[in-house]
Protein backbone atom coordinates (compact mmCIF):
# COMPACT_ATOMS: atom_id res chain seq x y z
CA MET A 1 -21.44 -11.78 -6.53
CA THR A 2 -23.04 -8.76 -8.18
CA ASP A 3 -26.04 -6.55 -7.50
CA LEU A 4 -27.09 -6.91 -11.16
CA ARG A 5 -29.25 -9.74 -12.46
CA LEU A 6 -27.08 -10.32 -15.50
CA SER A 7 -29.64 -12.43 -17.34
CA GLU A 8 -32.17 -9.58 -17.23
CA SER A 9 -29.85 -6.57 -17.54
CA LYS A 10 -29.24 -4.72 -20.77
CA ILE A 11 -25.73 -5.12 -22.11
CA GLY A 12 -25.18 -1.36 -21.92
CA VAL A 13 -25.98 -1.45 -18.20
CA ILE A 14 -23.58 -4.37 -17.66
CA LEU A 15 -20.77 -2.56 -19.48
CA GLU A 16 -21.44 0.67 -17.62
CA LYS A 17 -20.93 -1.10 -14.30
CA TYR A 18 -18.27 -3.60 -15.43
CA SER A 19 -16.44 -2.00 -18.35
CA PHE A 20 -13.99 -4.92 -18.48
CA ALA A 21 -16.87 -7.27 -19.45
CA GLU A 22 -16.46 -6.13 -23.06
CA THR A 23 -13.25 -8.18 -23.17
CA TYR A 24 -15.25 -11.28 -22.19
CA PHE A 25 -17.65 -10.76 -25.07
CA GLN A 26 -14.75 -10.18 -27.49
CA GLN A 27 -13.08 -13.40 -26.33
CA ASN A 28 -16.29 -15.21 -27.25
CA GLY A 29 -16.43 -13.58 -30.67
CA ILE A 30 -19.34 -11.31 -29.79
CA SER A 31 -19.34 -7.66 -30.86
CA VAL A 32 -21.59 -5.68 -28.51
CA SER A 33 -21.45 -2.51 -30.60
CA GLY A 34 -25.06 -1.40 -31.22
CA LEU A 35 -26.43 -3.98 -28.78
CA GLU A 36 -26.47 -1.75 -25.72
CA HIS A 37 -30.25 -2.12 -25.33
CA ALA A 38 -30.29 -5.89 -25.76
CA THR A 39 -30.19 -8.47 -22.98
CA LEU A 40 -28.07 -11.64 -23.02
CA ASP A 41 -31.01 -13.86 -23.99
CA GLN A 42 -31.66 -11.64 -27.02
CA LEU A 43 -28.21 -12.24 -28.53
CA ASP A 44 -28.04 -14.36 -31.68
CA LEU A 45 -25.58 -17.06 -30.67
CA GLU A 46 -26.54 -19.92 -33.00
CA ASP A 47 -23.84 -19.24 -35.59
CA LYS A 48 -21.23 -19.13 -32.83
CA ALA A 49 -22.32 -22.44 -31.27
CA ILE A 50 -22.54 -20.80 -27.84
CA ASP A 51 -25.09 -21.97 -25.31
CA PRO A 52 -26.79 -18.91 -23.71
CA SER A 53 -26.66 -20.45 -20.24
CA ASP A 54 -22.91 -21.16 -20.64
CA LEU A 55 -22.38 -17.55 -21.75
CA LEU A 56 -24.19 -16.27 -18.65
CA THR A 57 -22.32 -18.61 -16.28
CA GLY A 58 -19.00 -17.71 -17.88
CA LEU A 59 -19.75 -13.99 -17.58
CA GLU A 60 -20.59 -14.33 -13.88
CA VAL A 61 -17.32 -16.16 -13.24
CA TYR A 62 -15.34 -13.64 -15.31
CA ILE A 63 -16.79 -10.66 -13.45
CA SER A 64 -16.20 -12.32 -10.07
CA GLN A 65 -12.57 -13.08 -10.93
CA MET A 66 -11.94 -9.58 -12.24
CA LEU A 67 -13.46 -7.95 -9.15
CA GLU A 68 -11.28 -10.20 -7.01
CA PHE A 69 -8.22 -9.18 -8.99
CA LEU A 70 -9.09 -5.50 -8.75
CA GLY A 71 -9.65 -5.77 -5.00
CA GLU A 72 -13.35 -4.95 -5.10
CA ASN A 73 -14.49 -8.30 -3.71
CA LYS A 74 -11.91 -8.43 -0.99
CA GLU A 75 -12.55 -8.88 2.69
CA THR A 76 -12.02 -5.59 4.50
CA VAL A 77 -9.00 -5.84 6.78
CA SER A 78 -9.59 -3.80 9.93
CA SER A 79 -6.91 -5.38 12.12
CA ILE A 80 -3.98 -7.76 12.24
CA THR A 81 -2.89 -9.63 15.34
CA VAL A 82 0.59 -10.97 16.04
CA LEU A 83 0.75 -13.99 18.36
CA PRO A 84 4.08 -14.66 20.09
CA GLY A 85 6.81 -16.89 18.75
CA THR A 86 10.41 -17.25 19.86
CA ASP A 87 13.63 -15.25 19.68
CA LYS A 88 16.90 -16.46 18.12
CA SER A 89 17.74 -18.40 21.28
CA GLY A 90 14.42 -20.26 21.25
CA ASN A 91 12.98 -18.30 24.18
CA ARG A 92 9.26 -17.55 23.95
CA GLU A 93 8.32 -13.90 23.38
CA THR A 94 6.76 -12.51 26.56
CA PHE A 95 3.75 -10.58 25.19
CA GLU A 96 0.29 -12.18 24.97
CA ASP A 97 -0.75 -10.74 21.61
CA LEU A 98 -0.40 -7.54 19.61
CA THR A 99 -3.36 -6.18 17.65
CA ILE A 100 -2.86 -3.37 15.14
CA ARG A 101 -5.86 -1.59 13.65
CA THR A 102 -6.54 0.51 10.59
CA GLY A 103 -5.43 4.11 11.11
CA GLU A 104 -2.62 3.19 13.52
CA ILE A 105 1.09 3.80 13.10
CA ILE A 106 3.33 1.22 14.72
CA ALA A 107 7.09 1.80 14.92
CA ILE A 108 9.48 -1.14 15.01
CA VAL A 109 12.79 -0.30 16.69
CA GLY A 110 15.94 -2.16 17.57
CA PRO A 111 19.63 -2.46 16.71
CA THR A 112 20.72 -3.34 13.19
CA GLY A 113 20.40 -7.09 12.74
CA SER A 114 18.04 -7.49 15.70
CA GLY A 115 15.19 -8.94 13.65
CA LYS A 116 13.06 -5.98 12.56
CA SER A 117 12.91 -7.20 8.97
CA ARG A 118 11.98 -10.69 10.14
CA LEU A 119 8.90 -9.31 11.89
CA LEU A 120 7.95 -7.38 8.75
CA GLY A 121 8.42 -10.58 6.77
CA ASP A 122 6.20 -12.59 9.14
CA ILE A 123 3.41 -10.06 8.67
CA GLU A 124 3.89 -9.87 4.91
CA TRP A 125 3.70 -13.65 4.52
CA VAL A 126 0.94 -14.06 7.14
CA ALA A 127 3.03 -16.48 9.20
CA GLN A 128 1.20 -19.47 10.63
CA ASN A 129 3.79 -20.89 13.03
CA ASP A 130 5.80 -21.86 9.96
CA THR A 131 8.65 -19.33 9.93
CA PRO A 132 11.90 -19.31 11.97
CA THR A 133 10.21 -17.15 14.65
CA LYS A 134 7.17 -19.48 15.00
CA ARG A 135 4.86 -16.44 15.10
CA THR A 136 1.21 -16.57 14.00
CA ILE A 137 -0.63 -13.72 12.25
CA LEU A 138 -4.42 -13.34 12.47
CA ILE A 139 -6.60 -11.20 10.19
CA ASN A 140 -9.55 -9.49 11.88
CA GLY A 141 -8.96 -11.73 14.89
CA SER A 142 -9.23 -15.00 12.98
CA ALA A 143 -7.09 -17.41 11.01
CA PRO A 144 -6.53 -15.84 7.58
CA ASP A 145 -8.08 -16.95 4.32
CA PRO A 146 -5.35 -18.82 2.36
CA LYS A 147 -5.69 -16.24 -0.42
CA TRP A 148 -3.74 -13.73 1.67
CA ARG A 149 -0.78 -16.09 1.54
CA PHE A 150 -0.94 -17.72 -1.87
CA SER A 151 -2.97 -15.55 -4.25
CA SER A 152 -0.99 -13.53 -6.79
CA SER A 153 -3.66 -10.81 -6.83
CA ASP A 154 -4.62 -10.65 -3.15
CA LYS A 155 -1.69 -8.98 -1.45
CA LEU A 156 -2.11 -8.18 2.23
CA VAL A 157 1.00 -6.04 2.34
CA ALA A 158 2.73 -3.46 0.16
CA GLN A 159 6.35 -3.06 1.22
CA LEU A 160 8.46 0.02 0.61
CA SER A 161 12.11 -0.90 1.04
CA GLN A 162 15.07 1.40 1.66
CA ASN A 163 16.26 1.20 -1.94
CA MET A 164 13.92 2.09 -4.80
CA ASN A 165 15.74 1.40 -8.05
CA PHE A 166 13.99 1.64 -11.41
CA VAL A 167 15.38 -0.24 -14.41
CA MET A 168 12.56 0.38 -16.90
CA ASP A 169 13.10 2.91 -19.67
CA LEU A 170 9.80 4.70 -19.01
CA THR A 171 8.63 8.16 -18.11
CA VAL A 172 6.80 8.69 -14.83
CA GLU A 173 3.56 9.00 -16.79
CA GLU A 174 4.13 5.73 -18.68
CA PHE A 175 4.99 3.94 -15.44
CA LEU A 176 1.84 5.16 -13.67
CA ASP A 177 -0.29 4.51 -16.75
CA LEU A 178 0.85 0.88 -16.83
CA HIS A 179 -0.03 0.40 -13.16
CA ALA A 180 -3.41 2.11 -13.54
CA GLU A 181 -4.13 0.11 -16.70
CA SER A 182 -3.32 -3.17 -14.93
CA ARG A 183 -5.87 -2.32 -12.26
CA MET A 184 -8.41 -1.08 -14.84
CA VAL A 185 -8.76 2.20 -13.00
CA PRO A 186 -11.50 4.47 -14.37
CA GLU A 187 -10.51 8.05 -15.15
CA LYS A 188 -6.82 7.14 -15.30
CA GLU A 189 -5.71 10.65 -16.12
CA SER A 190 -7.15 12.17 -12.95
CA VAL A 191 -5.70 9.36 -10.82
CA ILE A 192 -2.25 9.77 -12.38
CA ASN A 193 -2.38 13.53 -11.82
CA ARG A 194 -3.36 12.96 -8.21
CA ILE A 195 -0.38 10.63 -7.70
CA ILE A 196 2.15 13.04 -9.20
CA GLU A 197 0.68 15.93 -7.19
CA CYS A 198 1.00 13.95 -3.97
CA ALA A 199 4.53 12.78 -4.84
CA ASN A 200 5.67 16.36 -5.45
CA ASP A 201 4.14 17.38 -2.14
CA LEU A 202 6.38 14.81 -0.41
CA ALA A 203 9.57 15.15 -2.44
CA GLY A 204 12.26 17.72 -1.76
CA GLU A 205 12.57 18.62 -5.45
CA LYS A 206 9.62 18.51 -7.83
CA PHE A 207 9.46 16.45 -11.02
CA ASP A 208 6.85 16.03 -13.74
CA LEU A 209 5.18 13.26 -15.73
CA SER A 210 7.73 13.48 -18.54
CA THR A 211 10.65 12.72 -16.19
CA PRO A 212 12.29 9.32 -16.89
CA VAL A 213 11.89 7.11 -13.83
CA THR A 214 15.57 6.12 -14.08
CA SER A 215 16.60 9.75 -13.52
CA LEU A 216 14.60 10.21 -10.30
CA SER A 217 16.61 10.79 -7.14
CA GLY A 218 16.24 8.47 -4.17
CA GLY A 219 13.83 10.86 -2.47
CA GLN A 220 11.79 11.39 -5.62
CA SER A 221 11.58 7.63 -6.23
CA ARG A 222 10.39 7.00 -2.67
CA ALA A 223 7.86 9.84 -2.90
CA LEU A 224 6.50 8.43 -6.17
CA MET A 225 6.18 4.90 -4.77
CA ILE A 226 4.53 6.04 -1.54
CA SER A 227 1.94 7.99 -3.53
CA ASP A 228 1.45 5.19 -6.04
CA THR A 229 1.09 2.59 -3.28
CA ALA A 230 -1.34 4.68 -1.23
CA ILE A 231 -3.61 5.55 -4.15
CA LEU A 232 -3.44 2.56 -6.51
CA SER A 233 -2.52 -0.40 -4.29
CA SER A 234 -5.37 -2.40 -2.77
CA SER A 235 -3.12 -3.78 -0.01
CA PRO A 236 -4.47 -2.74 3.42
CA ILE A 237 -1.06 -2.80 5.15
CA ILE A 238 1.98 -0.69 4.29
CA LEU A 239 5.40 -1.80 5.58
CA ILE A 240 8.07 0.89 5.41
CA ASP A 241 11.75 0.27 6.04
CA GLU A 242 13.63 3.34 7.32
CA ILE A 243 11.61 6.13 5.75
CA GLU A 244 13.95 8.63 7.45
CA ASN A 245 16.55 7.86 4.78
CA ALA A 246 14.19 8.66 1.92
CA GLY A 247 14.78 12.41 1.55
CA ILE A 248 11.07 13.21 1.81
CA ASP A 249 8.70 14.86 4.26
CA ARG A 250 8.31 11.87 6.58
CA LYS A 251 5.49 13.19 8.73
CA LYS A 252 3.47 14.29 5.73
CA ALA A 253 4.01 10.88 4.09
CA LEU A 254 2.69 9.03 7.14
CA SER A 255 -0.33 11.34 7.41
CA PHE A 256 -1.14 10.72 3.76
CA LEU A 257 -0.92 6.93 4.12
CA LEU A 258 -3.22 7.03 7.14
CA SER A 259 -5.73 9.16 5.22
CA GLN A 260 -6.02 6.24 2.78
CA GLU A 261 -7.19 3.98 5.65
CA LYS A 262 -4.03 1.88 5.73
CA ILE A 263 -2.29 0.12 8.61
CA VAL A 264 1.24 1.56 8.71
CA LEU A 265 4.19 -0.37 10.13
CA MET A 266 7.64 1.16 9.94
CA ALA A 267 11.08 0.02 10.96
CA THR A 268 12.95 3.14 12.04
CA HIS A 269 15.88 4.58 13.98
CA ASP A 270 14.38 8.09 13.94
CA PRO A 271 13.11 9.21 17.40
CA MET A 272 10.59 11.58 15.81
CA LEU A 273 9.04 8.83 13.72
CA ALA A 274 9.13 6.35 16.61
CA LEU A 275 7.18 8.78 18.83
CA LEU A 276 4.72 9.58 16.04
CA GLY A 277 3.54 5.98 16.33
CA ASN A 278 0.74 4.85 18.61
CA LYS A 279 3.03 2.09 19.87
CA ARG A 280 6.56 0.91 19.25
CA ILE A 281 7.75 -2.65 19.13
CA VAL A 282 11.22 -3.19 20.54
CA ILE A 283 13.15 -6.04 18.88
CA LYS A 284 16.10 -7.76 20.53
CA ASN A 285 17.82 -11.02 19.62
CA GLY A 286 15.21 -11.72 16.93
CA GLY A 287 12.23 -11.47 19.28
CA ILE A 288 9.77 -8.85 20.48
CA SER A 289 11.13 -7.82 23.88
CA ARG A 290 8.73 -4.96 24.67
CA ILE A 291 5.63 -3.23 23.31
CA ILE A 292 5.56 0.39 24.46
CA GLU A 293 2.55 2.72 24.29
CA THR A 294 3.58 6.29 23.47
CA SER A 295 3.23 8.16 26.77
CA ASP A 296 2.02 11.73 27.37
CA GLU A 297 5.55 12.70 28.37
CA GLU A 298 6.90 11.30 25.11
CA LYS A 299 4.24 13.19 23.15
CA SER A 300 5.38 16.38 24.87
CA LEU A 301 8.99 15.52 24.00
CA LEU A 302 7.90 14.91 20.41
CA LYS A 303 6.93 18.57 20.05
CA GLU A 304 10.48 19.60 20.92
CA ILE A 305 11.94 17.02 18.52
CA GLU A 306 9.65 18.25 15.73
CA ALA A 307 10.71 21.86 16.36
CA ALA A 308 14.37 20.85 16.13
CA ASP A 309 13.62 18.86 12.99
CA ARG A 310 11.95 21.87 11.35
CA ARG A 311 15.06 23.94 12.07
CA THR A 312 17.29 21.22 10.65
CA GLN A 313 15.11 21.01 7.53
CA LYS A 314 15.40 24.78 7.15
CA LEU A 315 19.20 24.52 7.22
CA ARG A 316 19.08 21.67 4.73
CA THR A 317 16.93 23.72 2.37
CA GLY A 318 19.32 26.65 2.73
CA LEU A 319 22.27 24.45 1.80
CA ARG A 320 20.46 23.21 -1.31
CA GLN A 321 19.68 26.78 -2.34
CA GLY A 322 23.26 27.93 -1.82
CA ASP A 323 22.58 30.11 1.24
CA VAL A 324 25.22 30.99 3.81
CA LEU A 325 24.07 29.37 7.04
CA THR A 326 23.76 31.39 10.23
CA LYS A 327 22.95 30.64 13.84
CA MET A 328 19.80 32.73 13.49
CA MET A 329 18.53 30.42 10.75
CA PHE A 330 18.69 27.52 13.21
CA THR A 331 17.16 29.33 16.20
CA GLU A 332 14.22 30.90 14.34
CA GLU A 333 11.10 28.72 14.14
CA LYS A 334 9.78 30.10 10.88
């Protein structure tokens, strides 16, 4: 459970490694102030009617549960595998299996209403032949631990939906502080500053920590949540629904998520994003109809699409700044 022998370790050493353990001592009516050099068996517990062995056992359980909650005892997820189910007509999906590994981007494409969200839902809930599609999801090639499905603290997936609406009357700093506090993040201030810096790198218009979250634009909200999810969330898989509608630097956002060793799945209608993926899953009639590896020809085409996108972004920036648009602005690369 821990690399410390708690019964022999000084309390100061325990608190240095597990700062949250102080709460356990407080809950048992024990003030550890001035006892940093004492061990558990040196505590005077008679007047508190606490058995030393019970205190030690309880501390071990408390630390284990807290590490589980904080994601530090979690199984490392290096891959997920989708086994075939059926489409809306009951026909079996034709692929054998689909394995997605850490560091990969997988695009999910298909007409509106085709079943893209259903696939995202199957992955999020770790389907075990018990959803309408009858698909099965494996973790690291094996049947998943039930915790991935039923634990409130072990979340396999963090999902970023199309609409990010805040209703809390908080500033950005207060919002991030609450999230960091709930995860007992050390050096909260530096983590919060890192999140806001990343969010402003993604957003079209910058904002600061004093900005009320309810006044953020759609793009700013999505940029904040992508940064928050990448840095603070322990979920190994990120599901993104139509990031092209977010008003942020999409390519930069995907690169950042991958740098955090996440598996990225995105439902998209954007050809640039679809070709940025290692593979794309084509959904029709509620089922997976094809799995396409991005070809060399498509990668070459992607360069042209990216160049056109940069020109479009330049025009968009010009409009925001009140410029008069010209043909030269669109044809120039820089």
